[in-house]
C-alpha atoms as a PDB file:
ATOM      1  CA  MET A   1      -5.149  35.666  17.000  1.00  0.00           C
ATOM      2  CA  ALA A   2      -4.934  39.014  18.796  1.00  0.00           C
ATOM      3  CA  ALA A   3      -1.258  38.387  19.516  1.00  0.00           C
ATOM      4  CA  LYS A   4      -0.584  37.213  15.960  1.00  0.00           C
ATOM      5  CA  TYR A   5      -1.977  40.448  14.521  1.00  0.00           C
ATOM      6  CA  ASP A   6      -0.762  42.679  17.359  1.00  0.00           C
ATOM      7  CA  VAL A   7      -4.139  43.990  18.459  1.00  0.00           C
ATOM      8  CA  GLU A   8      -5.444  44.724  21.924  1.00  0.00           C
ATOM      9  CA  VAL A   9      -8.780  43.234  22.983  1.00  0.00           C
ATOM     10  CA  ALA A  10     -11.077  44.488  25.734  1.00  0.00           C
ATOM     11  CA  VAL A  11     -14.342  42.923  26.849  1.00  0.00           C
ATOM     12  CA  GLU A  12     -16.711  45.428  28.423  1.00  0.00           C
ATOM     13  CA  ARG A  13     -20.407  46.023  28.914  1.00  0.00           C
ATOM     14  CA  LEU A  14     -21.568  47.951  25.828  1.00  0.00           C
ATOM     15  CA  ASP A  15     -25.034  49.417  25.507  1.00  0.00           C
ATOM     16  CA  ASP A  16     -25.637  50.337  21.878  1.00  0.00           C
ATOM     17  CA  VAL A  17     -23.231  48.158  19.895  1.00  0.00           C
ATOM     18  CA  GLU A  18     -21.786  44.663  19.992  1.00  0.00           C
ATOM     19  CA  SER A  19     -18.224  45.791  19.243  1.00  0.00           C
ATOM     20  CA  TYR A  20     -16.094  48.575  17.908  1.00  0.00           C
ATOM     21  CA  VAL A  21     -12.506  49.280  16.986  1.00  0.00           C
ATOM     22  CA  ILE A  22     -10.281  52.253  17.719  1.00  0.00           C
ATOM     23  CA  GLY A  23      -6.846  52.080  16.152  1.00  0.00           C
ATOM     24  CA  ARG A  24      -5.597  48.575  16.983  1.00  0.00           C
ATOM     25  CA  ARG A  25      -7.909  48.121  19.984  1.00  0.00           C
ATOM     26  CA  ILE A  26     -11.025  45.959  19.628  1.00  0.00           C
ATOM     27  CA  VAL A  27     -13.752  46.311  22.238  1.00  0.00           C
ATOM     28  CA  LEU A  28     -16.335  43.523  22.540  1.00  0.00           C
ATOM     29  CA  ASP A  29     -19.604  43.471  24.472  1.00  0.00           C
ATOM     30  CA  SER A  30     -19.346  41.217  27.518  1.00  0.00           C
ATOM     31  CA  ASP A  31     -22.976  40.061  27.052  1.00  0.00           C
ATOM     32  CA  LEU A  32     -22.288  38.355  23.721  1.00  0.00           C
ATOM     33  CA  TYR A  33     -22.324  34.569  23.788  1.00  0.00           C
ATOM     34  CA  PRO A  34     -18.902  33.107  22.852  1.00  0.00           C
ATOM     35  CA  PRO A  35     -19.438  32.245  19.152  1.00  0.00           C
ATOM     36  CA  ARG A  36     -20.991  35.673  18.536  1.00  0.00           C
ATOM     37  CA  ARG A  37     -18.119  37.364  20.402  1.00  0.00           C
ATOM     38  CA  ASN A  38     -15.642  35.408  18.240  1.00  0.00           C
ATOM     39  CA  TRP A  39     -17.464  36.586  15.114  1.00  0.00           C
ATOM     40  CA  ARG A  40     -17.434  40.218  16.234  1.00  0.00           C
ATOM     41  CA  PHE A  41     -13.715  39.968  17.064  1.00  0.00           C
ATOM     42  CA  CYS A  42     -12.908  38.597  13.595  1.00  0.00           C
ATOM     43  CA  HIS A  43     -15.121  41.219  11.944  1.00  0.00           C
ATOM     44  CA  GLU A  44     -13.382  44.084  13.756  1.00  0.00           C
ATOM     45  CA  LEU A  45      -9.953  42.522  13.144  1.00  0.00           C
ATOM     46  CA  ALA A  46     -10.827  42.361   9.441  1.00  0.00           C
ATOM     47  CA  HIS A  47     -11.550  46.114   9.451  1.00  0.00           C
ATOM     48  CA  ILE A  48      -8.063  46.685  10.894  1.00  0.00           C
ATOM     49  CA  LEU A  49      -6.374  44.335   8.412  1.00  0.00           C
ATOM     50  CA  LEU A  50      -8.273  45.882   5.480  1.00  0.00           C
ATOM     51  CA  GLY A  51      -7.212  49.386   6.492  1.00  0.00           C
ATOM     52  CA  HIS A  52     -10.702  50.580   7.386  1.00  0.00           C
ATOM     53  CA  THR A  53      -9.301  52.924   9.991  1.00  0.00           C
ATOM     54  CA  ASP A  54     -11.735  55.838   9.912  1.00  0.00           C
ATOM     55  CA  ILE A  55     -14.841  54.582  11.705  1.00  0.00           C
ATOM     56  CA  GLN A  56     -16.865  57.569  10.428  1.00  0.00           C
ATOM     57  CA  MET A  57     -16.216  56.453   6.837  1.00  0.00           C
ATOM     58  CA  ILE A  58     -17.294  52.786   7.193  1.00  0.00           C
ATOM     59  CA  ASN A  59     -19.876  52.011   4.500  1.00  0.00           C
ATOM     60  CA  PRO A  60     -21.910  48.943   3.453  1.00  0.00           C
ATOM     61  CA  GLU A  61     -19.218  47.784   1.007  1.00  0.00           C
ATOM     62  CA  MET A  62     -16.582  47.915   3.762  1.00  0.00           C
ATOM     63  CA  GLU A  63     -18.927  45.933   6.029  1.00  0.00           C
ATOM     64  CA  ARG A  64     -19.298  43.258   3.326  1.00  0.00           C
ATOM     65  CA  GLU A  65     -15.506  43.139   2.906  1.00  0.00           C
ATOM     66  CA  ALA A  66     -15.040  42.796   6.671  1.00  0.00           C
ATOM     67  CA  ASP A  67     -17.649  40.017   6.837  1.00  0.00           C
ATOM     68  CA  ALA A  68     -15.933  38.076   4.034  1.00  0.00           C
ATOM     69  CA  SER A  69     -12.542  38.477   5.683  1.00  0.00           C
ATOM     70  CA  ALA A  70     -13.959  37.515   9.090  1.00  0.00           C
ATOM     71  CA  VAL A  71     -15.257  34.237   7.647  1.00  0.00           C
ATOM     72  CA  GLU A  72     -11.807  33.485   6.252  1.00  0.00           C
ATOM     73  CA  LEU A  73     -10.193  34.271   9.614  1.00  0.00           C
ATOM     74  CA  MET A  74     -12.624  31.959  11.437  1.00  0.00           C
ATOM     75  CA  LEU A  75     -12.896  29.170   8.869  1.00  0.00           C
ATOM     76  CA  PRO A  76      -9.905  29.215   6.494  1.00  0.00           C
ATOM     77  CA  ILE A  77     -11.206  27.994   3.143  1.00  0.00           C
ATOM     78  CA  ALA A  78      -8.557  25.339   2.469  1.00  0.00           C
ATOM     79  CA  GLU A  79      -9.039  23.770   5.899  1.00  0.00           C
ATOM     80  CA  PHE A  80     -12.829  24.073   5.701  1.00  0.00           C
ATOM     81  CA  ARG A  81     -13.043  22.498   2.222  1.00  0.00           C
ATOM     82  CA  GLN A  82     -10.944  19.561   3.350  1.00  0.00           C
ATOM     83  CA  ALA A  83     -13.102  19.042   6.446  1.00  0.00           C
ATOM     84  CA  MET A  84     -16.311  19.314   4.354  1.00  0.00           C
ATOM     85  CA  LYS A  85     -15.262  16.274   2.323  1.00  0.00           C
ATOM     86  CA  GLU A  86     -15.618  14.068   5.392  1.00  0.00           C
ATOM     87  CA  MET A  87     -17.987  15.929   7.718  1.00  0.00           C
ATOM     88  CA  ASP A  88     -21.559  17.103   7.993  1.00  0.00           C
ATOM     89  CA  ILE A  89     -22.563  20.327   9.754  1.00  0.00           C
ATOM     90  CA  PRO A  90     -22.581  18.898  13.337  1.00  0.00           C
ATOM     91  CA  ALA A  91     -19.122  17.413  12.822  1.00  0.00           C
ATOM     92  CA  LEU A  92     -17.894  20.723  11.391  1.00  0.00           C
ATOM     93  CA  LYS A  93     -19.285  22.483  14.484  1.00  0.00           C
ATOM     94  CA  GLU A  94     -17.214  20.118  16.640  1.00  0.00           C
ATOM     95  CA  ARG A  95     -14.154  20.724  14.446  1.00  0.00           C
ATOM     96  CA  PHE A  96     -14.631  24.516  14.571  1.00  0.00           C
ATOM     97  CA  PRO A  97     -16.224  25.146  18.004  1.00  0.00           C
ATOM     98  CA  HIS A  98     -15.261  28.832  17.953  1.00  0.00           C
ATOM     99  CA  ALA A  99     -17.655  29.453  15.030  1.00  0.00           C
ATOM    100  CA  SER A 100     -21.434  29.587  15.331  1.00  0.00           C
ATOM    101  CA  TRP A 101     -23.703  27.111  13.578  1.00  0.00           C
ATOM    102  CA  GLU A 102     -24.826  29.927  11.286  1.00  0.00           C
ATOM    103  CA  VAL A 103     -21.314  30.948  10.232  1.00  0.00           C
ATOM    104  CA  ILE A 104     -20.487  27.312   9.452  1.00  0.00           C
ATOM    105  CA  ALA A 105     -23.732  26.861   7.491  1.00  0.00           C
ATOM    106  CA  ARG A 106     -23.147  30.061   5.524  1.00  0.00           C
ATOM    107  CA  ARG A 107     -19.633  28.908   4.601  1.00  0.00           C
ATOM    108  CA  TRP A 108     -21.107  25.526   3.613  1.00  0.00           C
ATOM    109  CA  ILE A 109     -23.699  26.954   1.194  1.00  0.00           C
ATOM    110  CA  ASN A 110     -21.081  28.940  -0.688  1.00  0.00           C
ATOM    111  CA  GLU A 111     -19.083  25.778  -1.277  1.00  0.00           C
ATOM    112  CA  ARG A 112     -22.043  23.539  -2.141  1.00  0.00           C
ATOM    113  CA  GLN A 113     -24.387  25.893  -4.035  1.00  0.00           C
ATOM    114  CA  ALA A 114     -27.138  25.424  -1.476  1.00  0.00           C
ATOM    115  CA  VAL A 115     -29.777  27.560   0.221  1.00  0.00           C
ATOM    116  CA  LEU A 116     -29.708  28.220   3.960  1.00  0.00           C
ATOM    117  CA  THR A 117     -33.026  28.970   5.652  1.00  0.00           C
ATOM    118  CA  ILE A 118     -33.106  29.969   9.315  1.00  0.00           C
ATOM    119  CA  TYR A 119     -36.074  29.645  11.644  1.00  0.00           C
ATOM    120  CA  ASP A 120     -35.881  31.111  15.145  1.00  0.00           C
ATOM    121  CA  ASN A 121     -38.579  29.949  17.571  1.00  0.00           C
ATOM    122  CA  GLY A 122     -40.641  28.710  14.627  1.00  0.00           C
ATOM    123  CA  ARG A 123     -40.426  31.971  12.652  1.00  0.00           C
ATOM    124  CA  LEU A 124     -38.589  32.381   9.336  1.00  0.00           C
ATOM    125  CA  THR A 125     -35.783  34.881  10.017  1.00  0.00           C
ATOM    126  CA  GLY A 126     -33.483  34.470   7.025  1.00  0.00           C
ATOM    127  CA  ARG A 127     -32.968  32.772   3.679  1.00  0.00           C
ATOM    128  CA  TYR A 128     -29.549  32.921   2.038  1.00  0.00           C
ATOM    129  CA  ALA A 129     -27.724  31.531  -0.978  1.00  0.00           C
ATOM    130  CA  PRO A 130     -24.519  32.272  -2.871  1.00  0.00           C
ATOM    131  CA  GLU A 131     -24.714  35.516  -4.853  1.00  0.00           C
ATOM    132  CA  ASP A 132     -24.780  33.758  -8.222  1.00  0.00           C
ATOM    133  CA  MET A 133     -27.505  31.259  -7.309  1.00  0.00           C
ATOM    134  CA  ALA A 134     -31.168  31.756  -8.222  1.00  0.00           C
ATOM    135  CA  PHE A 135     -33.552  30.348  -5.604  1.00  0.00           C
ATOM    136  CA  PRO A 136     -37.161  30.783  -4.496  1.00  0.00           C
ATOM    137  CA  ALA A 137     -37.676  33.531  -1.925  1.00  0.00           C
ATOM    138  CA  ARG A 138     -39.959  31.307   0.178  1.00  0.00           C
ATOM    139  CA  PRO A 139     -39.355  27.704   1.272  1.00  0.00           C
ATOM    140  CA  GLY A 140     -41.358  24.973  -0.452  1.00  0.00           C
ATOM    141  CA  ALA A 141     -43.736  22.504   1.204  1.00  0.00           C
ATOM    142  CA  ALA A 142     -41.087  19.794   1.695  1.00  0.00           C
ATOM    143  CA  GLU A 143     -38.737  22.303   3.324  1.00  0.00           C
ATOM    144  CA  ILE A 144     -41.434  23.597   5.693  1.00  0.00           C
ATOM    145  CA  ASP A 145     -42.489  20.065   6.628  1.00  0.00           C
ATOM    146  CA  LEU A 146     -38.920  19.079   7.521  1.00  0.00           C
ATOM    147  CA  VAL A 147     -38.405  22.240   9.588  1.00  0.00           C
ATOM    148  CA  ARG A 148     -41.584  21.512  11.565  1.00  0.00           C
ATOM    149  CA  GLU A 149     -40.559  17.900  12.171  1.00  0.00           C
ATOM    150  CA  CYS A 150     -37.034  18.936  13.181  1.00  0.00           C
ATOM    151  CA  SER A 151     -38.426  21.480  15.627  1.00  0.00           C
ATOM    152  CA  GLU A 152     -40.961  19.049  17.102  1.00  0.00           C
ATOM    153  CA  LYS A 153     -38.454  16.210  17.503  1.00  0.00           C
ATOM    154  CA  ARG A 154     -35.667  18.601  18.544  1.00  0.00           C
ATOM    155  CA  GLN A 155     -33.127  16.671  16.508  1.00  0.00           C
ATOM    156  CA  HIS A 156     -31.200  16.853  13.253  1.00  0.00           C
ATOM    157  CA  LEU A 157     -33.030  15.340  10.271  1.00  0.00           C
ATOM    158  CA  ARG A 158     -32.261  14.642   6.640  1.00  0.00           C
ATOM    159  CA  ARG A 159     -34.435  13.912   3.607  1.00  0.00           C
ATOM    160  CA  GLY A 160     -33.080  12.766   0.262  1.00  0.00           C
ATOM    161  CA  ALA A 161     -34.290  13.810  -3.185  1.00  0.00           C
ATOM    162  CA  ASP A 162     -36.383  10.641  -3.482  1.00  0.00           C
ATOM    163  CA  GLU A 163     -38.508  11.802  -0.495  1.00  0.00           C
ATOM    164  CA  THR A 164     -38.842  15.473  -1.436  1.00  0.00           C
ATOM    165  CA  GLU A 165     -39.353  17.698  -4.464  1.00  0.00           C
ATOM    166  CA  GLY A 166     -36.013  16.612  -5.973  1.00  0.00           C
ATOM    167  CA  LEU A 167     -34.058  18.354  -3.214  1.00  0.00           C
ATOM    168  CA  ASP A 168     -31.588  17.098  -0.664  1.00  0.00           C
ATOM    169  CA  LEU A 169     -32.649  18.619   2.674  1.00  0.00           C
ATOM    170  CA  GLN A 170     -30.791  18.773   5.976  1.00  0.00           C
ATOM    171  CA  ALA A 171     -32.390  20.359   9.049  1.00  0.00           C
ATOM    172  CA  TYR A 172     -30.360  21.045  12.185  1.00  0.00           C
ATOM    173  CA  PHE A 173     -31.964  21.804  15.540  1.00  0.00           C
ATOM    174  CA  VAL A 174     -29.873  24.201  17.647  1.00  0.00           C
ATOM    175  CA  ASP A 175     -30.646  25.246  21.208  1.00  0.00           C
ATOM    176  CA  ASP A 176     -27.591  26.884  22.732  1.00  0.00           C
ATOM    177  CA  GLY A 177     -29.400  27.918  25.914  1.00  0.00           C
ATOM    178  CA  ARG A 178     -30.042  31.560  24.971  1.00  0.00           C
ATOM    179  CA  GLY A 179     -33.815  31.286  24.712  1.00  0.00           C
ATOM    180  CA  VAL A 180     -33.788  30.795  20.953  1.00  0.00           C
ATOM    181  CA  GLU A 181     -34.582  27.449  19.408  1.00  0.00           C
ATOM    182  CA  ARG A 182     -33.158  27.586  15.926  1.00  0.00           C
ATOM    183  CA  VAL A 183     -33.543  25.333  12.921  1.00  0.00           C
ATOM    184  CA  LEU A 184     -30.996  25.682  10.142  1.00  0.00           C
ATOM    185  CA  LEU A 185     -32.251  24.171   6.896  1.00  0.00           C
ATOM    186  CA  LEU A 186     -29.832  23.428   4.055  1.00  0.00           C
ATOM    187  CA  THR A 187     -31.472  22.853   0.678  1.00  0.00           C
ATOM    188  CA  GLU A 188     -29.431  21.471  -2.201  1.00  0.00           C
ATOM    189  CA  PRO A 189     -30.542  20.411  -5.676  1.00  0.00           C
ATOM    190  CA  SER A 190     -30.036  16.697  -6.126  1.00  0.00           C
ATOM    191  CA  ILE A 191     -27.110  15.582  -8.295  1.00  0.00           C
ATOM    192  CA  GLU A 192     -29.574  14.468 -10.998  1.00  0.00           C
ATOM    193  CA  ASP A 193     -31.094  17.987 -11.102  1.00  0.00           C
ATOM    194  CA  LEU A 194     -27.664  19.506 -11.722  1.00  0.00           C
ATOM    195  CA  SER A 195     -26.996  17.311 -14.798  1.00  0.00           C
END
């Protein structure tokens, strides 16, 4: 991708940041694990492609634009939508190994009108949904129970609407060897609830 967009990439030990861009040169922290490094590369490339050239002028809106463009660079929507028709999250991770579980799950929720809840080492660290979707700020009892079971069994689990509070739940256990055991929980209203 660097060659395609004519950018230079350097991987160095950085102390205070994960990455930065100067002109058409992207510098990435050597301590980042590969999917995170890929994300940072795409984010910085997006700044270049969007014309965000003055680093002193980068603002929250530009960061949001770069994030959205980075997702498209990593997981092109047409290809991702097609793959989603036949694959669950683990299969999508195999199909797109350069992307992290979280990036894949975040792309998924925007296409499926679902909520993504992230637990790191048993602690709630994030809850996300598409901008136009109303959702409870805290997980419900069925969601919490599935996260606990997923974490205890250290395996992916699924519960249908008939077993929960009318929600389709998918919990994915992720341990990529960095000292963080993560559970990604996808919560979707059942088809009956959408009618």
